[in-house]
Each structure stands twice: as structure tokens, then as C-alpha cells.
Amino acid sequence: MTAIRTLAAAALLLLSAVFGAVRAQEPAKQHRIAVVTPAGPVADISDTGVREWPAFYEELRRLGDIEGQNLTVDRYSGQGRPAGYPDLARQVVSQSPDAIVAVTDAIARAVRAATGSIPIVWIGGDPIQFGFAKSLARPGGNITGVTVFAGPEIFGKRLQILKEAVPSVSKVAFLTIGTSQDLDQILREAAGKLEISVIDMALQEATPIELQRVFAEIAQDRPDAVIVNSIGDLLASRQLIVELVNKNRLPAIYPWREYAEAGGLMAYATDLGELGRRMADDVHTILNGAMPGDIPIYLPTKYEFVINLKAAKALGLSIPPGLLATANDVIE
């Protein structure tokens, strides 16, 4: 009897070992995500792109979602042409990814119109205004993500910084894409408090030809400075934008530090690296079964102010010591 029990125990141990080995050999569950940006080459949606992407992929790897192993990433760009976003969104949805990362409100609108079921992780403006979410805490539906909208105060803050750096500024050109009556009113009200008038530089699309056309036209209006909108379509063209601004010898304040690193005078906005990590957290949570409508939308609270002294010198500007002291980073 003892021998039988011993044999039975040995058999159980053997079976356990066999099943354990089989489980160990089972491949990790494969996931596919799509990342859709409004402009720029798809190669930029990588570890070598602007800070949001290295941070995004690093955080995914930290969480165990590793491209080339258990994760496939399909990358798409709208090439700066909004008219093509709906077709691009339908193309993305037709591949049935497990989640779609939509960069900017325009891309998110197009993707959401194409699918009501595939989870969307978006980064953009005011999610309530654009109908993406019922609330920040519980967005509902198939979308969540990160908002960079800091309220109308952000425009006042950027204009105030610009006025401190260049007290003589009285006319500012606002570079953006398309038109928005609400945004235009917010900006003009903020500018009016500082006795600054605003000229619209509204691009139809974020392409080099369109940028050069608009800058050629705005030169005739002779603005004192430029303020660049934080819309993601423009970020991919930051080098050309900075070159055109500097060519016209105009001081400018930009939304992201990447503009200052490209030679722009000043930048004030949130940290794109932090936002990229938050987007990755949302993607990971969704891939592990969470519903996007149950994931709170992240509202950043940390802002960074960057000054490029080399750009200031080229413009013949002397940044006031008090303003310089408030910068988080100074490029020399």
C-alpha cells in the first residue's frame, strides 16, 4: 500500500512538472496598438522622437509591454493634412488594434467617428468641450487619456511672460491651425488686459508650403512678436516654425521646450515626457482589461518655463534678471 501511495505521489509530481513546463512554454499574450499622429514622419513616433515618445515606450517596457515581443505597434501620420484624417482613421480601425493612441483633438474626433468600440487613448485639449468625456473622473464611452488644456489662464501666462521679456510688445501674431471662436475670444481677452492686439495666423494645414505662405503674409502686418498654439500638428514642424520666426527677427513664446531646444526664444507648457508616461499607463491598463470610460483623464499640474539665451542674443534682447530667475531651465 505504501508503495502504491509513493508511486501515485511520484506520478502527481511528474504531471505537475509536465504541465508547468507546458505553461512556461506558452507564448505571452500578444497585443497590437496603433499610434496616430497628425503630422510628421512615422519614424518620429519612436524612441528618437520628441520626449513624449521615448517616455511612452520606456513606460510600456517597464510595465511589461515590449514591442517586438508581446506588443506590436502600428504607426500612422496624417501628414499635416486634416482633410485626410477621416480616411486615415478608417484605415486604422480596419486593422482592429486592441487600442488606438490618438494625438490631438482632430485625430481623436476622426478615430471616434470611425469606431465606438475600440479603446482610444487620446492627448489633446478640453475633453468636455469636444464631447470626448462626461467628466475627467469618469469619461465614459471608449476614450480616455491626457488633456493639456490648462484653462484660459495659460494664454494670459504666456502673454505675460512675453510682455516681461519684451515690454514694447503691442501686437502679437497667433500661429495656429484652423479657427476657433472660443479660443480666439479667450486669447483676445487675455491680450487686451496687457494692452496687446492679436493678429491671427491660421494655417489650413501643417505643411511647409502652408507655413511659408502664412509667414510671408504676416510679415506685411509687422507684428512685434509671435505666440504659437500648443496644438500637436505644429510640433512636428517646430524646426521650420522656429527658423521662420527667427528669420523675421521676431521674439516668440512657444508651448513646448522642444521649440526652445530647436532655437526658439522661450517656451512655457507641461512636460511632454510626463504626458507620454501617463498615456502608456492608460494603454497598459486597457490591454489588461480595463474599460477606457472608467479610467480618469489626467490633468497635468506641473509646468516648465524654458529660456534660450542664445536666441535672445541673436535678437538683441536682454532678458530681465527677475524673469530669468523664474525659468526652470536656461539654454545658453
Protein backbone atom coordinates (compact mmCIF):
# COMPACT_ATOMS: atom_id res chain seq x y z
CA MET A 1 0.00 0.00 0.00
CA THR A 2 2.86 2.34 0.88
CA ALA A 3 4.49 1.57 -2.47
CA ILE A 4 1.26 2.44 -4.30
CA ARG A 5 0.97 5.74 -2.46
CA THR A 6 4.60 6.52 -3.27
CA LEU A 7 4.04 5.78 -6.96
CA ALA A 8 0.89 7.92 -7.00
CA ALA A 9 2.71 10.82 -5.40
CA ALA A 10 5.55 10.49 -7.89
CA ALA A 11 3.06 10.45 -10.76
CA LEU A 12 1.40 13.62 -9.46
CA LEU A 13 4.76 15.35 -9.18
CA LEU A 14 5.63 14.28 -12.72
CA LEU A 15 2.30 15.56 -14.10
CA SER A 16 2.72 18.85 -12.25
CA ALA A 17 6.19 19.27 -13.70
CA VAL A 18 4.96 18.48 -17.20
CA PHE A 19 2.03 20.93 -17.01
CA GLY A 20 4.30 23.58 -15.51
CA ALA A 21 6.73 23.16 -18.38
CA VAL A 22 3.90 23.47 -20.89
CA ARG A 23 2.67 26.66 -19.26
CA ALA A 24 6.19 28.07 -19.25
CA GLN A 25 6.45 27.42 -22.98
CA GLU A 26 3.15 29.15 -23.76
CA PRO A 27 3.83 32.43 -25.56
CA ALA A 28 2.92 35.68 -23.83
CA LYS A 29 -0.37 37.17 -24.90
CA GLN A 30 0.15 39.33 -27.97
CA HIS A 31 -1.31 42.81 -28.23
CA ARG A 32 -1.47 45.29 -31.09
CA ILE A 33 -1.84 49.03 -30.71
CA ALA A 34 -1.99 51.82 -33.26
CA VAL A 35 -0.44 55.24 -32.71
CA VAL A 36 -1.84 58.02 -34.89
CA THR A 37 -0.27 61.49 -35.08
CA PRO A 38 -1.49 64.45 -37.12
CA ALA A 39 1.80 65.31 -38.81
CA GLY A 40 5.44 64.41 -39.27
CA PRO A 41 7.12 61.17 -40.38
CA VAL A 42 6.08 57.93 -38.67
CA ALA A 43 9.74 57.39 -37.78
CA ASP A 44 9.34 60.19 -35.22
CA ILE A 45 6.82 58.09 -33.27
CA SER A 46 9.72 56.25 -31.65
CA ASP A 47 12.40 56.39 -29.01
CA THR A 48 14.14 59.09 -31.06
CA GLY A 49 11.11 61.41 -31.32
CA VAL A 50 10.03 64.27 -29.07
CA ARG A 51 10.09 63.49 -25.34
CA GLU A 52 6.58 62.11 -25.21
CA TRP A 53 7.55 59.06 -27.31
CA PRO A 54 10.74 57.89 -25.58
CA ALA A 55 8.85 58.26 -22.29
CA PHE A 56 5.84 56.41 -23.72
CA TYR A 57 7.81 53.37 -24.88
CA GLU A 58 10.05 53.32 -21.80
CA GLU A 59 6.99 53.21 -19.55
CA LEU A 60 5.39 50.46 -21.64
CA ARG A 61 8.57 48.37 -21.33
CA ARG A 62 8.67 48.98 -17.58
CA LEU A 63 5.12 47.67 -17.38
CA GLY A 64 6.00 44.58 -19.42
CA ASP A 65 4.57 45.62 -22.80
CA ILE A 66 7.59 45.24 -25.05
CA GLU A 67 7.47 46.00 -28.75
CA GLY A 68 8.75 43.08 -30.78
CA GLN A 69 7.95 40.60 -28.02
CA ASN A 70 4.38 40.76 -26.74
CA LEU A 71 3.44 44.06 -28.35
CA THR A 72 3.08 45.22 -31.96
CA VAL A 73 2.92 48.96 -32.65
CA ASP A 74 1.46 50.24 -35.92
CA ARG A 75 2.38 53.87 -36.59
CA TYR A 76 0.40 56.32 -38.72
CA SER A 77 0.73 60.01 -39.62
CA GLY A 78 -1.85 62.37 -41.06
CA GLN A 79 1.00 64.23 -42.83
CA GLY A 80 -0.38 67.56 -41.60
CA ARG A 81 -3.48 67.38 -43.82
CA PRO A 82 -6.74 67.44 -41.78
CA ALA A 83 -8.87 66.65 -44.83
CA GLY A 84 -7.34 63.17 -44.86
CA TYR A 85 -7.88 62.35 -41.17
CA PRO A 86 -11.25 60.57 -41.62
CA ASP A 87 -9.85 58.19 -44.26
CA LEU A 88 -6.77 57.57 -42.12
CA ALA A 89 -8.95 56.81 -39.10
CA ARG A 90 -10.99 54.27 -41.08
CA GLN A 91 -7.76 52.63 -42.25
CA VAL A 92 -6.52 52.34 -38.66
CA VAL A 93 -9.81 50.94 -37.38
CA SER A 94 -9.95 48.36 -40.19
CA GLN A 95 -6.86 46.70 -38.69
CA SER A 96 -8.73 46.07 -35.41
CA PRO A 97 -5.98 47.06 -32.94
CA ASP A 98 -6.51 46.43 -29.22
CA ALA A 99 -6.16 50.17 -28.55
CA ILE A 100 -5.58 53.35 -30.53
CA VAL A 101 -3.41 56.23 -29.32
CA ALA A 102 -4.83 59.40 -30.91
CA VAL A 103 -2.69 62.54 -30.81
CA THR A 104 -4.67 65.81 -30.94
CA ASP A 105 -8.39 66.50 -30.84
CA ALA A 106 -8.77 66.40 -34.63
CA ILE A 107 -7.29 62.90 -34.84
CA ALA A 108 -9.36 61.73 -31.86
CA ARG A 109 -12.56 63.05 -33.44
CA ALA A 110 -11.82 61.20 -36.67
CA VAL A 111 -10.98 57.95 -34.87
CA ARG A 112 -14.00 58.16 -32.62
CA ALA A 113 -16.25 58.71 -35.63
CA ALA A 114 -14.80 55.52 -37.12
CA THR A 115 -15.24 53.30 -34.04
CA GLY A 116 -17.38 53.24 -30.94
CA SER A 117 -15.81 50.10 -29.54
CA ILE A 118 -12.02 50.11 -29.92
CA PRO A 119 -10.46 51.82 -26.85
CA ILE A 120 -8.88 55.18 -27.56
CA VAL A 121 -6.13 56.85 -25.52
CA TRP A 122 -6.04 60.49 -26.58
CA ILE A 123 -3.96 63.57 -25.84
CA GLY A 124 -5.39 66.98 -26.59
CA GLY A 125 -7.43 69.91 -25.35
CA ASP A 126 -10.62 70.19 -23.33
CA PRO A 127 -12.32 66.73 -23.40
CA ILE A 128 -15.63 68.09 -22.10
CA GLN A 129 -15.85 70.82 -24.73
CA PHE A 130 -15.09 68.38 -27.56
CA GLY A 131 -17.56 65.81 -26.27
CA PHE A 132 -14.94 63.17 -25.56
CA ALA A 133 -15.85 62.77 -21.91
CA LYS A 134 -18.71 63.29 -19.48
CA SER A 135 -16.20 64.21 -16.79
CA LEU A 136 -12.48 63.96 -16.11
CA ALA A 137 -13.05 61.42 -13.33
CA ARG A 138 -15.29 59.08 -15.36
CA PRO A 139 -15.11 59.91 -19.06
CA GLY A 140 -17.47 57.12 -20.19
CA GLY A 141 -17.54 55.72 -23.71
CA ASN A 142 -14.44 54.35 -25.41
CA ILE A 143 -11.98 57.19 -24.79
CA THR A 144 -9.63 58.34 -22.03
CA GLY A 145 -6.19 59.91 -21.93
CA VAL A 146 -4.43 63.16 -21.15
CA THR A 147 -5.60 66.75 -21.51
CA VAL A 148 -3.06 69.54 -21.91
CA PHE A 149 -5.80 72.17 -21.53
CA ALA A 150 -4.94 74.35 -18.57
CA GLY A 151 -7.85 76.75 -18.96
CA PRO A 152 -7.80 80.23 -20.47
CA GLU A 153 -5.19 81.29 -17.92
CA ILE A 154 -2.44 79.60 -19.94
CA PHE A 155 -2.72 82.19 -22.72
CA GLY A 156 -2.57 85.02 -20.22
CA LYS A 157 0.52 83.46 -18.64
CA ARG A 158 2.35 83.11 -21.95
CA LEU A 159 1.47 86.64 -22.99
CA GLN A 160 2.58 87.97 -19.60
CA ILE A 161 5.94 86.23 -19.96
CA LEU A 162 6.32 87.65 -23.46
CA LYS A 163 5.48 91.16 -22.21
CA GLU A 164 8.02 90.88 -19.40
CA ALA A 165 10.72 89.77 -21.83
CA VAL A 166 9.84 92.43 -24.41
CA PRO A 167 7.95 95.31 -22.72
CA SER A 168 7.46 97.14 -26.05
CA VAL A 169 5.25 94.37 -27.47
CA SER A 170 1.84 95.72 -28.52
CA LYS A 171 0.89 93.48 -31.48
CA VAL A 172 1.18 89.69 -31.40
CA ALA A 173 0.63 87.18 -34.20
CA PHE A 174 -1.04 83.94 -33.10
CA LEU A 175 0.07 80.86 -35.05
CA THR A 176 -2.48 78.04 -35.05
CA ILE A 177 -4.37 75.71 -37.37
CA GLY A 178 -7.93 76.47 -38.42
CA THR A 179 -10.08 78.85 -36.43
CA SER A 180 -11.93 78.66 -33.15
CA GLN A 181 -14.18 81.48 -31.99
CA ASP A 182 -13.90 80.39 -28.36
CA LEU A 183 -10.12 80.21 -28.48
CA ASP A 184 -9.88 83.48 -30.36
CA GLN A 185 -12.04 85.23 -27.76
CA ILE A 186 -10.04 83.78 -24.85
CA LEU A 187 -6.75 84.91 -26.38
CA ARG A 188 -8.01 88.39 -27.22
CA GLU A 189 -9.40 88.92 -23.74
CA ALA A 190 -6.08 87.87 -22.20
CA ALA A 191 -4.17 90.11 -24.62
CA GLY A 192 -6.49 93.06 -24.00
CA LYS A 193 -5.63 93.05 -20.30
CA LEU A 194 -1.99 93.58 -21.30
CA GLU A 195 -2.86 96.17 -23.97
CA ILE A 196 -1.81 93.79 -26.74
CA SER A 197 -3.67 93.33 -30.03
CA VAL A 198 -3.77 89.94 -31.77
CA ILE A 199 -3.33 89.02 -35.43
CA ASP A 200 -4.47 85.55 -36.48
CA MET A 201 -2.01 83.34 -38.38
CA ALA A 202 -4.39 80.47 -39.12
CA LEU A 203 -2.93 77.66 -41.19
CA GLN A 204 -5.18 75.43 -43.25
CA GLU A 205 -2.79 72.51 -42.79
CA ALA A 206 0.57 71.89 -41.12
CA THR A 207 2.75 71.64 -44.23
CA PRO A 208 5.97 73.51 -45.09
CA ILE A 209 4.35 75.27 -48.06
CA GLU A 210 1.45 76.49 -45.92
CA LEU A 211 3.77 77.68 -43.16
CA GLN A 212 5.92 79.63 -45.59
CA ARG A 213 2.81 81.18 -47.18
CA VAL A 214 1.37 82.34 -43.85
CA PHE A 215 4.68 83.78 -42.65
CA ALA A 216 5.07 85.67 -45.91
CA GLU A 217 1.62 87.19 -45.41
CA ILE A 218 2.06 88.01 -41.74
CA ALA A 219 5.28 89.90 -42.43
CA GLN A 220 3.13 92.56 -44.10
CA ASP A 221 1.25 93.12 -40.82
CA ARG A 222 4.52 93.76 -38.96
CA PRO A 223 3.72 92.13 -35.59
CA ASP A 224 6.03 92.72 -32.62
CA ALA A 225 6.09 89.07 -31.57
CA VAL A 226 4.59 85.61 -32.14
CA ILE A 227 2.74 83.22 -29.84
CA VAL A 228 2.44 79.61 -31.03
CA ASN A 229 -0.52 77.43 -30.14
CA SER A 230 0.11 74.13 -28.33
CA ILE A 231 -1.74 72.09 -30.97
CA GLY A 232 0.20 68.92 -31.76
CA ASP A 233 0.01 69.40 -35.53
CA LEU A 234 2.56 72.22 -35.24
CA LEU A 235 5.05 70.37 -33.05
CA ALA A 236 6.25 68.17 -35.91
CA SER A 237 7.16 71.36 -37.83
CA ARG A 238 8.86 73.06 -34.89
CA GLN A 239 12.24 73.41 -36.62
CA LEU A 240 10.76 75.20 -39.63
CA ILE A 241 8.50 77.34 -37.44
CA VAL A 242 11.44 78.49 -35.33
CA GLU A 243 13.51 79.19 -38.44
CA LEU A 244 10.72 81.30 -39.97
CA VAL A 245 10.15 83.21 -36.72
CA ASN A 246 13.87 83.90 -36.32
CA LYS A 247 14.24 84.82 -40.00
CA ASN A 248 11.67 87.56 -39.40
CA ARG A 249 13.58 88.57 -36.25
CA LEU A 250 10.53 88.22 -34.05
CA PRO A 251 10.57 87.30 -30.36
CA ALA A 252 8.22 84.41 -29.67
CA ILE A 253 6.86 82.25 -26.92
CA TYR A 254 6.19 78.62 -27.72
CA PRO A 255 4.22 75.90 -25.92
CA TRP A 256 6.84 73.15 -25.53
CA ARG A 257 10.52 73.14 -24.58
CA GLU A 258 11.28 71.31 -27.84
CA TYR A 259 10.80 74.64 -29.61
CA ALA A 260 13.38 76.30 -27.37
CA GLU A 261 15.75 73.40 -27.97
CA ALA A 262 15.26 74.00 -31.72
CA GLY A 263 16.37 77.62 -31.30
CA GLY A 264 13.18 79.32 -30.14
CA LEU A 265 13.30 82.14 -27.59
CA MET A 266 11.00 80.87 -24.81
CA ALA A 267 8.60 78.04 -24.03
CA TYR A 268 6.02 77.52 -21.33
CA ALA A 269 3.96 74.35 -21.03
CA THR A 270 3.70 70.97 -19.35
CA ASP A 271 6.33 68.24 -19.58
CA LEU A 272 5.70 66.06 -22.66
CA GLY A 273 7.69 63.25 -21.06
CA GLU A 274 5.25 63.08 -18.15
CA LEU A 275 2.31 63.05 -20.55
CA GLY A 276 3.87 60.24 -22.58
CA ARG A 277 4.23 58.11 -19.47
CA ARG A 278 0.63 58.74 -18.49
CA MET A 279 -0.56 57.69 -21.94
CA ALA A 280 1.46 54.47 -21.64
CA ASP A 281 -0.12 53.77 -18.24
CA ASP A 282 -3.57 54.08 -19.82
CA VAL A 283 -2.65 51.79 -22.70
CA HIS A 284 -1.28 49.16 -20.31
CA THR A 285 -4.39 49.34 -18.13
CA ILE A 286 -6.65 48.88 -21.17
CA LEU A 287 -4.60 45.97 -22.52
CA ASN A 288 -5.13 44.30 -19.18
CA GLY A 289 -8.90 44.51 -19.41
CA ALA A 290 -9.95 47.93 -18.11
CA MET A 291 -12.62 49.95 -19.89
CA PRO A 292 -11.36 53.36 -21.07
CA GLY A 293 -14.52 55.06 -19.84
CA ASP A 294 -13.62 54.03 -16.29
CA ILE A 295 -10.07 55.45 -16.42
CA PRO A 296 -9.83 59.09 -15.23
CA ILE A 297 -8.45 61.61 -17.70
CA TYR A 298 -5.15 63.01 -16.48
CA LEU A 299 -4.82 66.76 -15.99
CA PRO A 300 -1.18 67.82 -15.54
CA THR A 301 -0.34 70.30 -12.83
CA LYS A 302 3.39 70.79 -13.38
CA TYR A 303 4.61 73.39 -15.88
CA GLU A 304 8.08 74.29 -17.10
CA PHE A 305 9.46 77.58 -18.36
CA VAL A 306 12.50 77.47 -20.65
CA ILE A 307 14.54 80.40 -21.95
CA ASN A 308 17.07 80.20 -24.79
CA LEU A 309 19.67 82.90 -24.14
CA LYS A 310 21.41 82.23 -27.45
CA ALA A 311 18.17 83.07 -29.26
CA ALA A 312 17.76 86.18 -27.11
CA LYS A 313 21.25 87.35 -28.00
CA ALA A 314 20.58 86.83 -31.72
CA LEU A 315 17.52 89.07 -31.38
CA GLY A 316 19.42 91.68 -29.37
CA LEU A 317 17.25 91.05 -26.32
CA SER A 318 18.34 91.26 -22.71
CA ILE A 319 16.11 89.04 -20.59
CA PRO A 320 15.26 90.78 -17.28
CA PRO A 321 17.01 89.09 -14.32
CA GLY A 322 13.70 88.67 -12.49
CA LEU A 323 12.19 86.73 -15.39
CA LEU A 324 15.36 84.73 -15.87
CA ALA A 325 15.22 83.65 -12.25
CA THR A 326 11.78 82.10 -12.74
CA ALA A 327 12.93 79.78 -15.55
CA ASN A 328 13.13 76.06 -14.89
CA ASP A 329 15.86 75.74 -17.49
CA VAL A 330 18.09 78.16 -19.35
CA ILE A 331 19.71 77.18 -22.67
CA GLU A 332 22.98 79.02 -23.25
